[in-house]
Amino acid sequence: MSKKRLLAIIVWFAALATTGAIADVTHTPLDGANPSAATQRDAAEAVTRRLLDEFRTIKMPLSQAVAIAEHIHDGSRTADISLDISGPPVYRVRTVKDERVWENVIDANTGSVTETEISSSLTELDPEYLGNIIALKSVELELSDAVRIAEKAAAGSALAGGLMKHDGKLNFVVFIASGDRLKEVMLEPPRSGR
């Protein structure tokens, strides 16, 4: 999943309703928007404000949703997670183990699984996402570790994250709600000896 796609998912949902890692905090992922499109930027900022307002009402942290999803398939690892506020707030979590990927929808207030699980074989994934899943096997850092580091670095709470390539490097990208801003934290995970 690309960084733009992850951010687009977050914005789209909002519009509808100690490890050796290196952290790079960017204060808003909307900084790269086309400056000549003031109206579009204003609309994106309004959507971000709505997302942050809704996020403040959620009772369960993203890290707990990761733990719940990984417990469903013991030994699985979280590949990505995003907050969906198009209806009642839920976390959409993709976990992976062996040759399977599962997507679970977890209520952001109660922690219950709210929809039927979607299961896929790695062979069914688009090449970019498959590359990220394969790369996940080569890093020691878990997404839950990246979330914890990002929350501390950006002084806020995570609402989405995942592993992706950026400028040819493999990074965890975590979006953090910090005050009235949406921050992006990139972490370059240490590579495993596996």
N, C-alpha and C. Protein backbone atom coordinates (compact mmCIF):
# COMPACT_ATOMS: atom_id res chain seq x y z
N MET A 1 0.85 -1.16 0.00
CA MET A 1 0.00 0.00 0.00
C MET A 1 0.90 1.23 0.00
N SER A 2 0.61 2.17 -0.87
CA SER A 2 1.42 3.38 -0.93
C SER A 2 0.97 4.36 0.14
N LYS A 3 1.87 5.28 0.45
CA LYS A 3 1.57 6.31 1.45
C LYS A 3 0.37 7.14 0.99
N LYS A 4 0.33 7.50 -0.30
CA LYS A 4 -0.80 8.29 -0.81
C LYS A 4 -2.10 7.52 -0.68
N ARG A 5 -2.04 6.21 -0.97
CA ARG A 5 -3.26 5.39 -0.88
C ARG A 5 -3.74 5.30 0.57
N LEU A 6 -2.81 5.11 1.52
CA LEU A 6 -3.18 5.04 2.92
C LEU A 6 -3.83 6.34 3.38
N LEU A 7 -3.21 7.48 3.01
CA LEU A 7 -3.79 8.76 3.37
C LEU A 7 -5.14 8.96 2.68
N ALA A 8 -5.24 8.55 1.42
CA ALA A 8 -6.50 8.69 0.69
C ALA A 8 -7.60 7.88 1.37
N ILE A 9 -7.26 6.69 1.85
CA ILE A 9 -8.25 5.87 2.56
C ILE A 9 -8.72 6.59 3.82
N ILE A 10 -7.79 7.14 4.57
CA ILE A 10 -8.15 7.85 5.80
C ILE A 10 -9.06 9.03 5.47
N VAL A 11 -8.64 9.85 4.50
CA VAL A 11 -9.42 11.04 4.13
C VAL A 11 -10.76 10.64 3.53
N TRP A 12 -10.77 9.58 2.71
CA TRP A 12 -12.01 9.15 2.10
C TRP A 12 -13.01 8.70 3.15
N PHE A 13 -12.56 7.90 4.12
CA PHE A 13 -13.45 7.46 5.19
C PHE A 13 -13.97 8.65 5.97
N ALA A 14 -13.12 9.63 6.21
CA ALA A 14 -13.54 10.82 6.95
C ALA A 14 -14.55 11.62 6.14
N ALA A 15 -14.34 11.70 4.85
CA ALA A 15 -15.26 12.45 4.00
C ALA A 15 -16.63 11.79 3.97
N LEU A 16 -16.65 10.46 4.03
CA LEU A 16 -17.93 9.76 4.07
C LEU A 16 -18.54 9.87 5.46
N ALA A 17 -18.26 10.15 6.24
CA ALA A 17 -18.87 10.34 7.54
C ALA A 17 -17.88 10.97 8.58
N THR A 18 12.82 1.78 21.61
CA THR A 18 13.95 1.06 21.99
C THR A 18 14.38 0.01 21.00
N THR A 19 14.04 0.22 19.75
CA THR A 19 14.12 -0.79 18.72
C THR A 19 15.15 -0.51 17.65
N GLY A 20 15.67 0.68 17.62
CA GLY A 20 16.65 1.00 16.59
C GLY A 20 15.99 1.64 15.39
N ALA A 21 14.74 1.96 15.49
CA ALA A 21 14.05 2.60 14.38
C ALA A 21 14.39 4.08 14.34
N ILE A 22 14.31 4.65 13.13
CA ILE A 22 14.57 6.07 12.94
C ILE A 22 13.23 6.73 12.65
N ALA A 23 12.86 7.73 13.44
CA ALA A 23 11.56 8.39 13.25
C ALA A 23 11.76 9.72 12.54
N ASP A 24 10.90 9.99 11.56
CA ASP A 24 10.90 11.25 10.84
C ASP A 24 9.46 11.77 10.91
N VAL A 25 9.24 12.86 11.63
CA VAL A 25 7.90 13.39 11.83
C VAL A 25 7.66 14.53 10.86
N THR A 26 6.58 14.42 10.10
CA THR A 26 6.13 15.49 9.21
C THR A 26 4.83 16.00 9.80
N HIS A 27 4.70 17.30 9.90
CA HIS A 27 3.57 17.84 10.64
C HIS A 27 2.23 17.69 9.97
N THR A 28 2.16 17.59 8.68
CA THR A 28 0.89 17.29 8.04
C THR A 28 1.13 16.69 6.68
N PRO A 29 0.46 15.59 6.36
CA PRO A 29 0.65 14.99 5.06
C PRO A 29 0.02 15.81 3.94
N LEU A 30 -0.70 16.85 4.28
CA LEU A 30 -1.33 17.68 3.26
C LEU A 30 -0.39 18.78 2.77
N ASP A 31 0.81 18.90 3.34
CA ASP A 31 1.76 19.93 2.93
C ASP A 31 2.12 19.82 1.46
N GLY A 32 2.12 18.63 0.90
CA GLY A 32 2.52 18.43 -0.48
C GLY A 32 1.39 18.71 -1.47
N ALA A 33 0.26 19.15 -0.99
CA ALA A 33 -0.87 19.42 -1.88
C ALA A 33 -0.53 20.57 -2.83
N ASN A 34 -1.18 20.59 -3.98
CA ASN A 34 -0.97 21.63 -4.98
C ASN A 34 -1.41 22.97 -4.41
N PRO A 35 -0.45 23.94 -4.22
CA PRO A 35 -0.79 25.21 -3.60
C PRO A 35 -1.74 26.05 -4.43
N SER A 36 -1.85 25.79 -5.72
CA SER A 36 -2.76 26.57 -6.56
C SER A 36 -4.20 26.12 -6.40
N ALA A 37 -4.43 25.03 -5.76
CA ALA A 37 -5.78 24.50 -5.57
C ALA A 37 -6.26 24.80 -4.15
N ALA A 38 -6.41 26.10 -3.83
CA ALA A 38 -6.79 26.52 -2.49
C ALA A 38 -8.12 25.91 -2.05
N THR A 39 -9.06 25.82 -2.93
CA THR A 39 -10.36 25.25 -2.58
C THR A 39 -10.23 23.79 -2.21
N GLN A 40 -9.46 23.07 -3.00
CA GLN A 40 -9.25 21.65 -2.71
C GLN A 40 -8.53 21.48 -1.37
N ARG A 41 -7.55 22.31 -1.12
CA ARG A 41 -6.80 22.25 0.14
C ARG A 41 -7.72 22.56 1.32
N ASP A 42 -8.58 23.59 1.18
CA ASP A 42 -9.52 23.94 2.25
C ASP A 42 -10.46 22.77 2.55
N ALA A 43 -10.92 22.11 1.48
CA ALA A 43 -11.81 20.96 1.66
C ALA A 43 -11.09 19.83 2.38
N ALA A 44 -9.83 19.58 1.99
CA ALA A 44 -9.04 18.53 2.64
C ALA A 44 -8.82 18.86 4.12
N GLU A 45 -8.57 20.13 4.41
CA GLU A 45 -8.38 20.54 5.81
C GLU A 45 -9.67 20.37 6.61
N ALA A 46 -10.81 20.64 6.00
CA ALA A 46 -12.10 20.44 6.68
C ALA A 46 -12.32 18.96 6.97
N VAL A 47 -11.97 18.11 6.02
CA VAL A 47 -12.11 16.67 6.22
C VAL A 47 -11.17 16.20 7.34
N THR A 48 -9.95 16.73 7.35
CA THR A 48 -9.00 16.37 8.41
C THR A 48 -9.52 16.79 9.77
N ARG A 49 -10.09 17.99 9.86
CA ARG A 49 -10.67 18.45 11.14
C ARG A 49 -11.79 17.52 11.58
N ARG A 50 -12.64 17.12 10.64
CA ARG A 50 -13.74 16.21 10.97
C ARG A 50 -13.20 14.87 11.45
N LEU A 51 -12.19 14.36 10.76
CA LEU A 51 -11.56 13.10 11.15
C LEU A 51 -11.01 13.20 12.57
N LEU A 52 -10.29 14.27 12.86
CA LEU A 52 -9.70 14.44 14.19
C LEU A 52 -10.79 14.59 15.26
N ASP A 53 -11.85 15.32 14.96
CA ASP A 53 -12.97 15.46 15.91
C ASP A 53 -13.58 14.09 16.22
N GLU A 54 -13.82 13.31 15.18
CA GLU A 54 -14.40 11.98 15.37
C GLU A 54 -13.42 11.07 16.13
N PHE A 55 -12.14 11.17 15.80
CA PHE A 55 -11.13 10.34 16.44
C PHE A 55 -11.08 10.58 17.95
N ARG A 56 -11.28 11.81 18.37
CA ARG A 56 -11.24 12.14 19.81
C ARG A 56 -12.34 11.44 20.61
N THR A 57 -13.40 10.99 19.93
CA THR A 57 -14.51 10.33 20.63
C THR A 57 -14.30 8.82 20.78
N ILE A 58 -13.31 8.28 20.11
CA ILE A 58 -13.06 6.84 20.11
C ILE A 58 -12.45 6.41 21.44
N LYS A 59 -12.93 5.27 21.94
CA LYS A 59 -12.49 4.79 23.25
C LYS A 59 -11.28 3.86 23.19
N MET A 60 -11.09 3.15 22.08
CA MET A 60 -10.05 2.13 22.01
C MET A 60 -8.87 2.62 21.16
N PRO A 61 -7.64 2.51 21.68
CA PRO A 61 -6.49 2.92 20.88
C PRO A 61 -6.21 1.92 19.75
N LEU A 62 -5.58 2.42 18.71
CA LEU A 62 -5.23 1.60 17.56
C LEU A 62 -4.39 0.39 17.97
N SER A 63 -3.48 0.55 18.90
CA SER A 63 -2.62 -0.56 19.33
C SER A 63 -3.44 -1.73 19.88
N GLN A 64 -4.55 -1.43 20.51
CA GLN A 64 -5.41 -2.51 21.02
C GLN A 64 -6.09 -3.24 19.87
N ALA A 65 -6.49 -2.51 18.82
CA ALA A 65 -7.08 -3.15 17.65
C ALA A 65 -6.07 -4.08 16.98
N VAL A 66 -4.81 -3.67 16.93
CA VAL A 66 -3.74 -4.52 16.37
C VAL A 66 -3.65 -5.81 17.19
N ALA A 67 -3.63 -5.70 18.50
CA ALA A 67 -3.53 -6.88 19.37
C ALA A 67 -4.72 -7.82 19.17
N ILE A 68 -5.92 -7.25 19.05
CA ILE A 68 -7.12 -8.08 18.84
C ILE A 68 -7.02 -8.83 17.52
N ALA A 69 -6.64 -8.13 16.45
CA ALA A 69 -6.56 -8.77 15.13
C ALA A 69 -5.48 -9.85 15.11
N GLU A 70 -4.35 -9.60 15.73
CA GLU A 70 -3.28 -10.60 15.75
C GLU A 70 -3.67 -11.81 16.61
N HIS A 71 -4.52 -11.61 17.59
CA HIS A 71 -4.99 -12.72 18.44
C HIS A 71 -5.96 -13.63 17.68
N ILE A 72 -6.69 -13.07 16.72
CA ILE A 72 -7.64 -13.87 15.94
C ILE A 72 -6.90 -14.98 15.19
N HIS A 73 -5.73 -14.65 14.64
CA HIS A 73 -4.89 -15.64 13.94
C HIS A 73 -3.55 -15.65 14.65
N ASP A 74 -3.46 -16.48 15.66
CA ASP A 74 -2.27 -16.54 16.51
C ASP A 74 -1.00 -16.65 15.67
N GLY A 75 -0.04 -15.79 15.96
CA GLY A 75 1.23 -15.80 15.24
C GLY A 75 1.24 -14.91 14.00
N SER A 76 0.11 -14.27 13.70
CA SER A 76 0.07 -13.38 12.54
C SER A 76 0.70 -12.04 12.88
N ARG A 77 1.04 -11.27 11.85
CA ARG A 77 1.61 -9.93 12.01
C ARG A 77 0.71 -8.94 11.29
N THR A 78 0.57 -7.76 11.86
CA THR A 78 -0.26 -6.73 11.23
C THR A 78 0.54 -6.07 10.12
N ALA A 79 -0.06 -6.03 8.93
CA ALA A 79 0.57 -5.39 7.77
C ALA A 79 0.15 -3.93 7.67
N ASP A 80 -1.15 -3.66 7.92
CA ASP A 80 -1.62 -2.28 7.93
C ASP A 80 -2.94 -2.19 8.67
N ILE A 81 -3.24 -0.96 9.08
CA ILE A 81 -4.46 -0.69 9.83
C ILE A 81 -4.89 0.74 9.53
N SER A 82 -6.21 0.95 9.43
CA SER A 82 -6.71 2.31 9.22
C SER A 82 -8.04 2.48 9.93
N LEU A 83 -8.31 3.71 10.29
CA LEU A 83 -9.56 4.07 10.94
C LEU A 83 -10.59 4.40 9.87
N ASP A 84 -11.79 3.85 10.00
CA ASP A 84 -12.89 4.10 9.07
C ASP A 84 -14.01 4.74 9.87
N ILE A 85 -14.36 5.99 9.53
CA ILE A 85 -15.46 6.67 10.24
C ILE A 85 -16.63 6.95 9.31
N SER A 86 -16.76 6.13 8.25
CA SER A 86 -17.88 6.31 7.33
C SER A 86 -19.21 5.91 7.96
N GLY A 87 -19.16 5.15 9.03
CA GLY A 87 -20.32 4.76 9.82
C GLY A 87 -19.87 4.79 11.26
N PRO A 88 -20.34 3.87 12.08
CA PRO A 88 -19.74 3.78 13.42
C PRO A 88 -18.24 3.56 13.26
N PRO A 89 -17.41 4.21 14.06
CA PRO A 89 -15.96 4.10 13.87
C PRO A 89 -15.44 2.68 14.08
N VAL A 90 -14.65 2.23 13.09
CA VAL A 90 -14.04 0.90 13.14
C VAL A 90 -12.60 1.00 12.65
N TYR A 91 -11.80 0.03 13.07
CA TYR A 91 -10.45 -0.13 12.54
C TYR A 91 -10.50 -1.26 11.53
N ARG A 92 -9.92 -1.04 10.36
CA ARG A 92 -9.76 -2.09 9.35
C ARG A 92 -8.31 -2.57 9.45
N VAL A 93 -8.14 -3.83 9.83
CA VAL A 93 -6.82 -4.37 10.13
C VAL A 93 -6.53 -5.55 9.20
N ARG A 94 -5.37 -5.50 8.54
CA ARG A 94 -4.91 -6.63 7.73
C ARG A 94 -3.75 -7.29 8.44
N THR A 95 -3.91 -8.60 8.66
CA THR A 95 -2.84 -9.39 9.26
C THR A 95 -2.39 -10.44 8.26
N VAL A 96 -1.19 -10.93 8.46
CA VAL A 96 -0.63 -11.91 7.54
C VAL A 96 0.11 -13.00 8.32
N LYS A 97 -0.02 -14.22 7.81
CA LYS A 97 0.71 -15.35 8.37
C LYS A 97 0.83 -16.40 7.26
N ASP A 98 2.03 -16.91 7.09
CA ASP A 98 2.30 -17.90 6.05
C ASP A 98 1.87 -17.32 4.70
N GLU A 99 0.97 -17.94 4.02
CA GLU A 99 0.56 -17.49 2.68
C GLU A 99 -0.83 -16.86 2.67
N ARG A 100 -1.33 -16.42 3.84
CA ARG A 100 -2.69 -15.87 3.94
C ARG A 100 -2.65 -14.44 4.47
N VAL A 101 -3.62 -13.65 4.01
CA VAL A 101 -3.84 -12.29 4.51
C VAL A 101 -5.31 -12.23 4.93
N TRP A 102 -5.55 -11.69 6.13
CA TRP A 102 -6.91 -11.55 6.63
C TRP A 102 -7.21 -10.07 6.88
N GLU A 103 -8.42 -9.66 6.54
CA GLU A 103 -8.86 -8.32 6.89
C GLU A 103 -10.02 -8.46 7.87
N ASN A 104 -9.85 -7.82 9.02
CA ASN A 104 -10.89 -7.82 10.04
C ASN A 104 -11.30 -6.39 10.33
N VAL A 105 -12.57 -6.22 10.66
CA VAL A 105 -13.11 -4.92 11.01
C VAL A 105 -13.44 -4.97 12.49
N ILE A 106 -12.80 -4.07 13.25
CA ILE A 106 -12.93 -4.08 14.70
C ILE A 106 -13.54 -2.77 15.17
N ASP A 107 -14.62 -2.87 15.94
CA ASP A 107 -15.29 -1.69 16.48
C ASP A 107 -14.31 -0.88 17.31
N ALA A 108 -14.19 0.41 17.02
CA ALA A 108 -13.19 1.27 17.67
C ALA A 108 -13.58 1.66 19.10
N ASN A 109 -14.76 1.28 19.53
CA ASN A 109 -15.19 1.57 20.91
C ASN A 109 -15.28 0.32 21.77
N THR A 110 -15.72 -0.79 21.17
CA THR A 110 -15.94 -2.00 21.97
C THR A 110 -14.87 -3.07 21.76
N GLY A 111 -14.17 -3.04 20.64
CA GLY A 111 -13.16 -4.05 20.34
C GLY A 111 -13.74 -5.32 19.74
N SER A 112 -15.03 -5.33 19.45
CA SER A 112 -15.63 -6.54 18.86
C SER A 112 -15.43 -6.53 17.35
N VAL A 113 -15.33 -7.73 16.78
CA VAL A 113 -15.23 -7.89 15.34
C VAL A 113 -16.63 -7.66 14.78
N THR A 114 -16.76 -6.71 13.82
CA THR A 114 -18.09 -6.28 13.39
C THR A 114 -18.53 -6.79 12.03
N GLU A 115 -17.63 -7.31 11.23
CA GLU A 115 -17.99 -7.79 9.89
C GLU A 115 -17.35 -9.14 9.66
N THR A 116 -17.83 -9.83 8.65
CA THR A 116 -17.24 -11.11 8.28
C THR A 116 -15.81 -10.88 7.79
N GLU A 117 -14.92 -11.70 8.27
CA GLU A 117 -13.52 -11.62 7.90
C GLU A 117 -13.34 -11.89 6.41
N ILE A 118 -12.41 -11.16 5.80
CA ILE A 118 -12.04 -11.40 4.40
C ILE A 118 -10.66 -12.06 4.42
N SER A 119 -10.56 -13.19 3.74
CA SER A 119 -9.31 -13.94 3.70
C SER A 119 -8.84 -14.03 2.25
N SER A 120 -7.54 -13.83 2.03
CA SER A 120 -6.97 -13.91 0.68
C SER A 120 -5.67 -14.68 0.72
N SER A 121 -5.34 -15.26 -0.40
CA SER A 121 -4.03 -15.87 -0.59
C SER A 121 -3.09 -14.78 -1.07
N LEU A 122 -1.80 -14.90 -0.77
CA LEU A 122 -0.84 -13.93 -1.24
C LEU A 122 -0.87 -13.79 -2.76
N THR A 123 -1.20 -14.88 -3.45
CA THR A 123 -1.23 -14.84 -4.92
C THR A 123 -2.35 -13.95 -5.45
N GLU A 124 -3.32 -13.61 -4.62
CA GLU A 124 -4.44 -12.78 -5.05
C GLU A 124 -4.17 -11.28 -4.89
N LEU A 125 -3.05 -10.90 -4.28
CA LEU A 125 -2.76 -9.50 -3.98
C LEU A 125 -2.15 -8.78 -5.17
N ASP A 126 -2.37 -7.46 -5.21
CA ASP A 126 -1.72 -6.68 -6.27
C ASP A 126 -0.21 -6.67 -5.99
N PRO A 127 0.61 -6.53 -7.03
CA PRO A 127 2.07 -6.66 -6.88
C PRO A 127 2.69 -5.71 -5.84
N GLU A 128 2.22 -4.47 -5.78
CA GLU A 128 2.80 -3.52 -4.83
C GLU A 128 2.53 -3.96 -3.39
N TYR A 129 1.29 -4.34 -3.09
CA TYR A 129 0.95 -4.76 -1.74
C TYR A 129 1.66 -6.08 -1.40
N LEU A 130 1.75 -6.98 -2.36
CA LEU A 130 2.46 -8.24 -2.16
C LEU A 130 3.92 -7.97 -1.80
N GLY A 131 4.53 -7.00 -2.48
CA GLY A 131 5.91 -6.63 -2.17
C GLY A 131 6.06 -6.17 -0.73
N ASN A 132 5.08 -5.40 -0.23
CA ASN A 132 5.12 -4.95 1.16
C ASN A 132 4.97 -6.12 2.13
N ILE A 133 4.10 -7.06 1.80
CA ILE A 133 3.89 -8.23 2.65
C ILE A 133 5.17 -9.07 2.71
N ILE A 134 5.81 -9.27 1.56
CA ILE A 134 7.05 -10.04 1.52
C ILE A 134 8.13 -9.31 2.33
N ALA A 135 8.19 -7.98 2.19
CA ALA A 135 9.19 -7.18 2.91
C ALA A 135 8.96 -7.25 4.42
N LEU A 136 7.70 -7.40 4.84
CA LEU A 136 7.38 -7.48 6.26
C LEU A 136 8.15 -8.62 6.93
N LYS A 137 8.39 -9.69 6.18
CA LYS A 137 9.11 -10.84 6.72
C LYS A 137 10.57 -10.51 7.02
N SER A 138 11.10 -9.44 6.39
CA SER A 138 12.52 -9.14 6.54
C SER A 138 12.82 -8.09 7.62
N VAL A 139 11.78 -7.62 8.32
CA VAL A 139 12.02 -6.61 9.35
C VAL A 139 11.68 -7.18 10.73
N GLU A 140 12.46 -6.73 11.71
CA GLU A 140 12.24 -7.19 13.08
C GLU A 140 11.11 -6.43 13.75
N LEU A 141 10.99 -5.17 13.44
CA LEU A 141 10.02 -4.30 14.08
C LEU A 141 8.60 -4.71 13.71
N GLU A 142 7.73 -4.75 14.69
CA GLU A 142 6.31 -5.01 14.45
C GLU A 142 5.60 -3.67 14.28
N LEU A 143 4.45 -3.68 13.61
CA LEU A 143 3.69 -2.44 13.45
C LEU A 143 3.32 -1.86 14.81
N SER A 144 3.01 -2.72 15.78
CA SER A 144 2.67 -2.22 17.12
C SER A 144 3.84 -1.46 17.74
N ASP A 145 5.08 -1.91 17.48
CA ASP A 145 6.27 -1.19 17.97
C ASP A 145 6.39 0.16 17.25
N ALA A 146 6.17 0.15 15.94
CA ALA A 146 6.25 1.38 15.16
C ALA A 146 5.21 2.39 15.64
N VAL A 147 4.01 1.92 15.95
CA VAL A 147 2.94 2.79 16.46
C VAL A 147 3.36 3.42 17.78
N ARG A 148 3.90 2.62 18.68
CA ARG A 148 4.33 3.13 19.99
C ARG A 148 5.42 4.20 19.83
N ILE A 149 6.39 3.95 18.96
CA ILE A 149 7.47 4.91 18.72
C ILE A 149 6.91 6.19 18.09
N ALA A 150 6.04 6.03 17.11
CA ALA A 150 5.46 7.19 16.41
C ALA A 150 4.61 8.04 17.34
N GLU A 151 3.82 7.38 18.20
CA GLU A 151 2.99 8.14 19.14
C GLU A 151 3.86 8.97 20.08
N LYS A 152 4.97 8.40 20.52
CA LYS A 152 5.87 9.14 21.40
C LYS A 152 6.55 10.28 20.64
N ALA A 153 7.04 10.00 19.43
CA ALA A 153 7.75 11.01 18.64
C ALA A 153 6.85 12.19 18.26
N ALA A 154 5.59 11.92 17.97
CA ALA A 154 4.68 12.97 17.51
C ALA A 154 3.75 13.46 18.62
N ALA A 155 3.89 12.94 19.82
CA ALA A 155 3.08 13.35 20.96
C ALA A 155 1.58 13.30 20.63
N GLY A 156 1.13 12.10 20.25
CA GLY A 156 -0.28 11.96 19.90
C GLY A 156 -0.69 10.50 19.88
N SER A 157 -1.82 10.23 19.21
CA SER A 157 -2.38 8.88 19.13
C SER A 157 -2.52 8.47 17.67
N ALA A 158 -2.15 7.23 17.37
CA ALA A 158 -2.18 6.72 16.00
C ALA A 158 -3.60 6.46 15.54
N LEU A 159 -3.85 6.73 14.24
CA LEU A 159 -5.13 6.39 13.64
C LEU A 159 -4.98 5.55 12.39
N ALA A 160 -3.75 5.34 11.92
CA ALA A 160 -3.50 4.45 10.77
C ALA A 160 -2.01 4.20 10.66
N GLY A 161 -1.67 3.10 10.01
CA GLY A 161 -0.26 2.81 9.77
C GLY A 161 -0.09 1.58 8.91
N GLY A 162 1.11 1.47 8.36
CA GLY A 162 1.42 0.31 7.55
C GLY A 162 2.86 0.35 7.07
N LEU A 163 3.29 -0.74 6.47
CA LEU A 163 4.63 -0.87 5.92
C LEU A 163 4.57 -0.56 4.44
N MET A 164 5.47 0.31 3.96
CA MET A 164 5.49 0.65 2.54
C MET A 164 6.85 1.16 2.13
N LYS A 165 7.08 1.18 0.82
CA LYS A 165 8.34 1.70 0.30
C LYS A 165 8.16 3.19 0.02
N HIS A 166 9.18 3.96 0.38
CA HIS A 166 9.20 5.40 0.15
C HIS A 166 10.62 5.76 -0.28
N ASP A 167 10.75 6.35 -1.43
CA ASP A 167 12.07 6.70 -1.97
C ASP A 167 13.00 5.49 -1.99
N GLY A 168 12.46 4.33 -2.34
CA GLY A 168 13.26 3.13 -2.44
C GLY A 168 13.58 2.44 -1.13
N LYS A 169 13.14 3.03 -0.01
CA LYS A 169 13.40 2.43 1.31
C LYS A 169 12.11 1.89 1.90
N LEU A 170 12.25 0.82 2.64
CA LEU A 170 11.13 0.23 3.34
C LEU A 170 10.91 0.99 4.64
N ASN A 171 9.69 1.48 4.87
CA ASN A 171 9.38 2.24 6.08
C ASN A 171 8.02 1.86 6.62
N PHE A 172 7.88 2.01 7.93
CA PHE A 172 6.55 2.04 8.51
C PHE A 172 6.11 3.50 8.44
N VAL A 173 4.89 3.73 8.00
CA VAL A 173 4.32 5.07 8.00
C VAL A 173 3.12 5.02 8.94
N VAL A 174 3.12 5.91 9.92
CA VAL A 174 2.05 5.95 10.91
C VAL A 174 1.48 7.36 10.92
N PHE A 175 0.16 7.48 10.85
CA PHE A 175 -0.51 8.77 10.93
C PHE A 175 -0.99 8.98 12.36
N ILE A 176 -0.64 10.15 12.90
CA ILE A 176 -0.88 10.46 14.30
C ILE A 176 -1.79 11.67 14.43
N ALA A 177 -2.79 11.58 15.30
CA ALA A 177 -3.61 12.73 15.69
C ALA A 177 -2.90 13.38 16.87
N SER A 178 -2.47 14.61 16.68
CA SER A 178 -1.75 15.34 17.72
C SER A 178 -2.35 16.73 17.82
N GLY A 179 -3.14 16.96 18.87
CA GLY A 179 -3.83 18.24 18.98
C GLY A 179 -4.80 18.40 17.83
N ASP A 180 -4.67 19.51 17.11
CA ASP A 180 -5.57 19.75 15.98
C ASP A 180 -4.88 19.46 14.65
N ARG A 181 -3.84 18.61 14.67
CA ARG A 181 -3.08 18.31 13.45
C ARG A 181 -3.01 16.81 13.22
N LEU A 182 -2.87 16.47 11.96
CA LEU A 182 -2.62 15.10 11.54
C LEU A 182 -1.15 15.05 11.14
N LYS A 183 -0.37 14.22 11.83
CA LYS A 183 1.06 14.13 11.56
C LYS A 183 1.38 12.77 10.96
N GLU A 184 2.41 12.76 10.15
CA GLU A 184 2.89 11.53 9.53
C GLU A 184 4.27 11.24 10.10
N VAL A 185 4.44 10.01 10.58
CA VAL A 185 5.73 9.60 11.12
C VAL A 185 6.23 8.43 10.29
N MET A 186 7.44 8.56 9.77
CA MET A 186 8.06 7.47 9.00
C MET A 186 9.16 6.86 9.86
N LEU A 187 9.16 5.54 9.94
CA LEU A 187 10.18 4.82 10.70
C LEU A 187 10.86 3.83 9.79
N GLU A 188 12.16 3.90 9.73
CA GLU A 188 12.92 2.94 8.97
C GLU A 188 13.28 1.80 9.90
N PRO A 189 12.65 0.64 9.72
CA PRO A 189 12.89 -0.46 10.66
C PRO A 189 14.23 -1.11 10.42
N PRO A 190 14.84 -1.60 11.51
CA PRO A 190 16.06 -2.39 11.35
C PRO A 190 15.72 -3.68 10.63
N ARG A 191 16.61 -4.11 9.75
CA ARG A 191 16.38 -5.36 8.99
C ARG A 191 16.74 -6.55 9.86
N SER A 192 15.99 -7.60 9.68
CA SER A 192 16.23 -8.80 10.45
C SER A 192 17.35 -9.61 9.82
N GLY A 193 17.94 -10.47 10.59
CA GLY A 193 18.99 -11.34 10.08
C GLY A 193 18.43 -12.57 9.38
N ARG A 194 17.07 -12.65 9.30
CA ARG A 194 16.43 -13.82 8.69
C ARG A 194 16.61 -13.83 7.20
